[in-house]
Amino acid sequence: MLRRSLPSRAKSRLIITGSIAAALFLVFYAFFNLTVLGQSLENSWAWRYEVFDTVGYWLSRHGLPPLSGDRATIVVGVALAVIVAAARRRWRTAIWVAVALPAAVLASEGFKTISARPLLVDSRDDAISYPSGHAVIALAVGAALLIVIPRLWVRWFVPVLGVWMAMASSAIIVIGHHRPSEIAGAALLVIVVFTLVGAVVQPIASARQGEFAARTDGRPGAWAADAARRVWVRVLIVAAIVAAGLFAAWGALPWVTLVDGVTGAAASLLVIGMTLAVRSWTGSRAPQRQAPATSHSVRGDRGRMLRLRRA
């Protein structure tokens, strides 16, 4: 009975998460594209600084994907994700990323063709570009790779992919290709596509999941020390991703650098966090082992064993 309830619960989580992200995606579009206030907020700093003086422009001119070679980034991202999943014999996971990554890119382009952005304020920035296709590519490639890599690799790949995702997303804004809301919309769209495709394709809650539980040395206090270490590692990773976003937006007006850098970093962290959550829901990452028994419980167990032997 438990095995039957786990898949339905995990699929419900995926569907609910995808539905919430889809609703937020539409809310962001409606507010920032169809209202005077939303357009005014984002157009207030457009074309007020020299794009050529920003780090983001330098990154775009020196081949940072997907600012340069967007199609190649898609092909390489899909190929790497599928190869890693196939090497681990995760065939459904390979199908999952092979479908979700291109679907996210196609969904972003398709939404632009059916959406509108009426010119409600006086501004040069009147392009219909919600969501950012380049940001979708970067965030979707990062999500696909985080889904397929082994659990032991996650701690190393998260900061590397996060820094790249944040730099690409922030650079896209600061060079004037997209607005901050379009980066947020890209992150939400990636979550929508990956969760809904995963709910259909990915098998949930593998029966072998418990075999890969995290190891501890069993000493009292070891679990707490390990938990404290993980907290500090996460804080450092978040700081590195935020710093990468601010670095890519450097050179613009100070408050523009802050908004653009934090937006790119926040979008990257949102996708990373949801991807790791999806891994745990689908059984791609094993649950952590519970805290080991305390010294009091260990002494109690020994006492019971001695009484049983004497009896």
Protein backbone atom coordinates (compact mmCIF):
# COMPACT_ATOMS: atom_id res chain seq x y z
CA MET A 1 0.00 0.00 0.00
CA LEU A 2 2.89 2.37 0.82
CA ARG A 3 4.57 1.79 -2.54
CA ARG A 4 1.38 2.72 -4.36
CA SER A 5 0.84 5.90 -2.35
CA LEU A 6 4.36 7.25 -2.84
CA PRO A 7 4.20 7.59 -6.66
CA SER A 8 0.84 9.36 -6.55
CA ARG A 9 2.11 11.76 -3.88
CA ALA A 10 5.25 12.58 -5.84
CA LYS A 11 3.34 13.04 -9.09
CA SER A 12 0.93 15.33 -7.29
CA ARG A 13 3.84 17.41 -6.05
CA LEU A 14 5.22 17.71 -9.57
CA ILE A 15 1.86 18.67 -11.03
CA ILE A 16 1.06 21.15 -8.26
CA THR A 17 4.52 22.75 -8.52
CA GLY A 18 4.20 23.03 -12.29
CA SER A 19 0.71 24.53 -12.00
CA ILE A 20 1.83 27.13 -9.44
CA ALA A 21 4.82 28.06 -11.59
CA ALA A 22 2.54 28.38 -14.64
CA ALA A 23 0.19 30.69 -12.74
CA LEU A 24 3.10 32.87 -11.57
CA PHE A 25 4.46 32.90 -15.12
CA LEU A 26 1.18 34.37 -16.38
CA VAL A 27 0.98 36.84 -13.47
CA PHE A 28 4.46 38.16 -14.24
CA TYR A 29 3.55 38.50 -17.90
CA ALA A 30 0.28 40.30 -17.21
CA PHE A 31 1.75 42.77 -14.71
CA PHE A 32 5.00 43.70 -16.46
CA ASN A 33 3.63 43.70 -20.01
CA LEU A 34 -0.03 44.69 -19.80
CA THR A 35 -0.01 47.38 -17.09
CA VAL A 36 1.37 50.91 -17.05
CA LEU A 37 2.97 50.40 -13.65
CA GLY A 38 4.73 47.20 -14.71
CA GLN A 39 6.15 48.70 -17.90
CA SER A 40 7.21 51.86 -16.08
CA LEU A 41 9.14 49.92 -13.43
CA GLU A 42 11.28 48.10 -15.96
CA ASN A 43 11.65 50.89 -18.52
CA SER A 44 12.77 53.44 -15.93
CA TRP A 45 16.47 52.54 -16.35
CA ALA A 46 16.55 51.40 -20.00
CA TRP A 47 19.27 53.03 -22.12
CA ARG A 48 20.62 55.14 -19.24
CA TYR A 49 24.11 53.66 -19.15
CA GLU A 50 26.76 52.53 -21.60
CA VAL A 51 26.24 48.84 -22.32
CA PHE A 52 29.77 48.58 -23.72
CA ASP A 53 31.24 49.34 -20.29
CA THR A 54 29.60 46.35 -18.57
CA VAL A 55 31.12 42.98 -17.79
CA GLY A 56 28.07 41.38 -19.39
CA TYR A 57 28.94 42.92 -22.73
CA TRP A 58 32.50 41.63 -22.43
CA LEU A 59 31.19 38.15 -21.65
CA SER A 60 28.84 38.24 -24.64
CA ARG A 61 31.70 39.28 -26.94
CA HIS A 62 33.94 36.52 -25.63
CA GLY A 63 31.61 33.61 -26.29
CA LEU A 64 29.78 32.97 -23.02
CA PRO A 65 27.05 30.47 -23.88
CA PRO A 66 24.19 30.85 -24.62
CA LEU A 67 24.84 34.54 -25.40
CA SER A 68 27.04 33.18 -28.13
CA GLY A 69 26.08 29.95 -29.88
CA ASP A 70 22.60 29.45 -28.46
CA ARG A 71 21.73 26.54 -30.74
CA ALA A 72 25.04 24.85 -30.04
CA THR A 73 24.36 25.25 -26.31
CA ILE A 74 21.02 23.45 -26.72
CA VAL A 75 22.53 20.59 -28.72
CA VAL A 76 25.50 20.13 -26.38
CA GLY A 77 23.28 20.38 -23.29
CA VAL A 78 20.83 17.76 -24.53
CA ALA A 79 23.64 15.47 -25.67
CA LEU A 80 25.52 15.64 -22.37
CA ALA A 81 22.38 15.09 -20.29
CA VAL A 82 21.25 12.11 -22.37
CA ILE A 83 24.73 10.56 -22.40
CA VAL A 84 25.08 10.80 -18.62
CA ALA A 85 21.58 9.37 -18.06
CA ALA A 86 22.22 6.55 -20.53
CA ALA A 87 25.59 5.74 -18.94
CA ARG A 88 23.76 5.34 -15.62
CA ARG A 89 21.06 3.28 -17.36
CA ARG A 90 18.39 5.78 -16.38
CA TRP A 91 16.48 5.44 -19.62
CA ARG A 92 13.34 7.26 -18.55
CA THR A 93 15.44 10.07 -17.14
CA ALA A 94 17.20 10.31 -20.50
CA ILE A 95 13.81 10.65 -22.20
CA TRP A 96 12.77 13.19 -19.57
CA VAL A 97 15.65 15.62 -20.23
CA ALA A 98 15.66 14.96 -23.98
CA VAL A 99 12.03 16.07 -24.14
CA ALA A 100 11.94 18.77 -21.45
CA LEU A 101 14.96 20.82 -22.51
CA PRO A 102 13.91 21.43 -26.14
CA ALA A 103 10.27 21.73 -25.05
CA ALA A 104 11.16 24.60 -22.71
CA VAL A 105 12.93 26.44 -25.52
CA LEU A 106 10.03 25.86 -27.95
CA ALA A 107 7.53 26.94 -25.30
CA SER A 108 9.35 30.24 -24.79
CA GLU A 109 9.38 30.97 -28.51
CA GLY A 110 5.78 29.87 -28.90
CA PHE A 111 4.57 32.12 -26.09
CA LYS A 112 6.19 35.14 -27.73
CA THR A 113 4.26 34.53 -30.94
CA ILE A 114 0.87 34.58 -29.20
CA SER A 115 1.54 37.24 -26.55
CA ALA A 116 1.36 41.00 -26.88
CA ARG A 117 3.01 44.02 -25.28
CA PRO A 118 1.04 47.19 -25.99
CA LEU A 119 3.05 50.40 -25.79
CA LEU A 120 1.64 51.91 -22.59
CA VAL A 121 4.58 54.18 -21.66
CA ASP A 122 6.90 56.36 -23.69
CA SER A 123 10.02 54.26 -24.13
CA ARG A 124 12.37 52.92 -26.79
CA ASP A 125 12.13 49.51 -25.16
CA ASP A 126 8.91 48.15 -26.69
CA ALA A 127 10.01 44.69 -27.88
CA ILE A 128 7.92 41.60 -27.17
CA SER A 129 10.48 39.37 -25.47
CA TYR A 130 8.77 37.62 -22.55
CA PRO A 131 10.22 35.19 -21.53
CA SER A 132 13.93 35.35 -22.33
CA GLY A 133 14.83 32.54 -24.70
CA HIS A 134 18.54 32.79 -23.88
CA ALA A 135 17.81 32.54 -20.15
CA VAL A 136 15.55 29.54 -20.80
CA ILE A 137 18.42 27.81 -22.57
CA ALA A 138 20.91 28.42 -19.76
CA LEU A 139 18.50 27.49 -16.98
CA ALA A 140 17.12 24.44 -18.79
CA VAL A 141 20.59 23.07 -19.57
CA GLY A 142 21.57 23.53 -15.93
CA ALA A 143 18.39 21.80 -14.73
CA ALA A 144 18.85 18.88 -17.13
CA LEU A 145 22.43 18.26 -16.01
CA LEU A 146 21.52 18.46 -12.33
CA ILE A 147 18.79 15.88 -12.87
CA VAL A 148 20.99 13.25 -14.53
CA ILE A 149 24.29 13.49 -12.65
CA PRO A 150 25.02 11.04 -9.80
CA ARG A 151 24.15 12.17 -6.29
CA LEU A 152 27.80 12.37 -5.21
CA TRP A 153 28.53 14.81 -8.05
CA VAL A 154 25.77 17.25 -7.12
CA ARG A 155 27.82 19.09 -4.49
CA TRP A 156 30.47 19.89 -7.12
CA PHE A 157 28.20 20.65 -10.06
CA VAL A 158 25.76 22.95 -8.26
CA PRO A 159 28.27 25.82 -7.74
CA VAL A 160 29.76 25.44 -11.22
CA LEU A 161 26.43 25.37 -13.02
CA GLY A 162 24.97 27.99 -10.70
CA VAL A 163 27.75 30.47 -11.41
CA TRP A 164 27.36 29.96 -15.17
CA MET A 165 23.56 30.26 -15.03
CA ALA A 166 23.73 33.43 -12.93
CA MET A 167 26.37 35.07 -15.12
CA ALA A 168 24.48 34.29 -18.30
CA SER A 169 21.11 35.43 -16.91
CA SER A 170 22.46 38.68 -15.47
CA ALA A 171 24.48 39.48 -18.58
CA ILE A 172 21.37 39.05 -20.73
CA ILE A 173 19.67 41.82 -18.76
CA VAL A 174 22.54 44.27 -18.43
CA ILE A 175 23.38 44.28 -22.15
CA GLY A 176 19.78 45.26 -22.89
CA HIS A 177 18.52 42.08 -24.53
CA HIS A 178 15.89 41.38 -21.88
CA ARG A 179 14.13 42.86 -18.87
CA PRO A 180 14.36 41.42 -15.32
CA SER A 181 10.79 40.06 -15.46
CA GLU A 182 11.69 38.09 -18.56
CA ILE A 183 14.48 36.31 -16.68
CA ALA A 184 12.06 35.47 -13.87
CA GLY A 185 9.57 34.26 -16.47
CA ALA A 186 12.25 32.06 -18.03
CA ALA A 187 12.94 30.42 -14.66
CA LEU A 188 9.23 29.80 -14.05
CA LEU A 189 8.76 28.36 -17.54
CA VAL A 190 11.67 25.94 -17.07
CA ILE A 191 10.11 24.75 -13.82
CA VAL A 192 6.72 24.32 -15.52
CA VAL A 193 8.06 22.21 -18.37
CA PHE A 194 10.45 20.06 -16.35
CA THR A 195 7.94 19.25 -13.60
CA LEU A 196 5.06 18.43 -15.93
CA VAL A 197 7.19 16.36 -18.29
CA GLY A 198 8.72 14.59 -15.29
CA ALA A 199 5.27 13.76 -13.93
CA VAL A 200 4.48 11.96 -17.19
CA VAL A 201 7.80 10.33 -18.05
CA GLN A 202 9.85 9.76 -14.91
CA PRO A 203 9.22 6.71 -12.67
CA ILE A 204 8.61 7.82 -9.10
CA ALA A 205 10.10 6.57 -5.84
CA SER A 206 12.32 3.69 -6.88
CA ALA A 207 12.16 0.66 -4.60
CA ARG A 208 15.99 0.66 -4.43
CA GLN A 209 16.06 4.22 -3.16
CA GLY A 210 16.92 3.22 0.38
CA GLU A 211 20.05 1.38 -0.71
CA PHE A 212 21.83 4.65 -1.42
CA ALA A 213 21.29 6.31 1.97
CA ALA A 214 23.93 8.76 3.05
CA ARG A 215 26.63 7.37 5.27
CA THR A 216 27.58 8.65 8.71
CA ASP A 217 30.12 7.32 11.13
CA GLY A 218 27.45 6.55 13.74
CA ARG A 219 29.07 8.55 16.55
CA PRO A 220 26.84 10.75 18.75
CA GLY A 221 26.95 14.29 17.39
CA ALA A 222 28.28 13.27 13.96
CA TRP A 223 24.91 13.84 12.29
CA ALA A 224 24.58 17.32 13.82
CA ALA A 225 28.12 18.25 12.76
CA ASP A 226 27.44 17.04 9.24
CA ALA A 227 24.22 19.06 9.12
CA ALA A 228 26.05 22.20 10.26
CA ARG A 229 28.69 21.66 7.59
CA ARG A 230 26.02 21.31 4.90
CA VAL A 231 24.44 24.59 5.99
CA TRP A 232 27.73 26.44 5.63
CA VAL A 233 28.37 24.85 2.25
CA ARG A 234 24.96 25.97 1.02
CA VAL A 235 25.56 29.51 2.30
CA LEU A 236 28.86 29.67 0.43
CA ILE A 237 27.28 28.31 -2.76
CA VAL A 238 24.47 30.89 -2.61
CA ALA A 239 27.02 33.66 -1.99
CA ALA A 240 29.10 32.51 -4.98
CA ILE A 241 26.06 32.47 -7.28
CA VAL A 242 24.92 35.92 -6.15
CA ALA A 243 28.47 37.26 -6.59
CA ALA A 244 28.58 35.81 -10.11
CA GLY A 245 25.33 37.56 -11.01
CA LEU A 246 26.56 40.89 -9.66
CA PHE A 247 29.89 40.47 -11.44
CA ALA A 248 28.19 39.93 -14.80
CA ALA A 249 26.07 43.07 -14.28
CA TRP A 250 29.03 45.20 -13.19
CA GLY A 251 29.66 48.43 -15.05
CA ALA A 252 26.09 49.71 -15.21
CA LEU A 253 24.54 52.15 -12.77
CA PRO A 254 24.98 50.84 -9.21
CA TRP A 255 21.30 50.17 -8.61
CA VAL A 256 20.96 48.62 -12.08
CA THR A 257 23.87 46.31 -11.27
CA LEU A 258 22.14 45.33 -8.05
CA VAL A 259 18.76 44.64 -9.66
CA ASP A 260 20.14 42.82 -12.71
CA GLY A 261 22.68 40.81 -10.73
CA VAL A 262 20.26 39.72 -8.03
CA THR A 263 17.59 38.87 -10.64
CA GLY A 264 19.94 36.58 -12.55
CA ALA A 265 21.17 34.93 -9.36
CA ALA A 266 17.66 34.52 -7.93
CA ALA A 267 16.39 32.91 -11.14
CA SER A 268 19.32 30.49 -11.11
CA LEU A 269 18.84 29.63 -7.43
CA LEU A 270 15.12 29.08 -7.96
CA VAL A 271 15.72 26.59 -10.78
CA ILE A 272 18.51 24.84 -8.86
CA GLY A 273 16.42 24.53 -5.73
CA MET A 274 13.40 23.17 -7.57
CA THR A 275 15.55 20.76 -9.56
CA LEU A 276 17.08 19.31 -6.40
CA ALA A 277 13.60 19.01 -4.90
CA VAL A 278 12.40 17.19 -8.00
CA ARG A 279 15.36 14.80 -7.71
CA SER A 280 14.27 13.89 -4.19
CA TRP A 281 10.61 13.48 -5.21
CA THR A 282 11.40 11.20 -8.13
CA GLY A 283 13.94 9.06 -6.30
CA SER A 284 16.90 10.48 -8.25
CA ARG A 285 18.46 11.43 -4.94
CA ALA A 286 18.35 9.23 -1.87
CA PRO A 287 16.87 10.58 1.34
CA GLN A 288 19.28 11.42 4.12
CA ARG A 289 19.64 8.89 6.91
CA GLN A 290 18.08 9.90 10.19
CA ALA A 291 20.21 11.04 13.08
CA PRO A 292 22.06 8.20 14.82
CA ALA A 293 20.99 7.02 18.24
CA THR A 294 22.13 9.08 21.19
CA SER A 295 24.46 7.78 23.86
CA HIS A 296 21.49 7.35 26.25
CA SER A 297 19.63 5.12 23.83
CA VAL A 298 22.81 3.15 23.09
CA ARG A 299 23.35 2.47 26.82
CA GLY A 300 19.69 1.49 27.11
CA ASP A 301 20.04 -1.02 24.31
CA ARG A 302 23.14 -2.53 25.92
CA GLY A 303 21.33 -2.83 29.25
CA ARG A 304 18.44 -4.67 27.66
CA MET A 305 20.84 -7.08 25.94
CA LEU A 306 22.59 -7.85 29.24
CA ARG A 307 19.28 -8.55 30.97
CA LEU A 308 18.27 -10.89 28.17
CA ARG A 309 21.57 -12.78 28.43
CA ARG A 310 21.23 -13.20 32.21
CA ALA A 311 17.70 -14.46 31.82
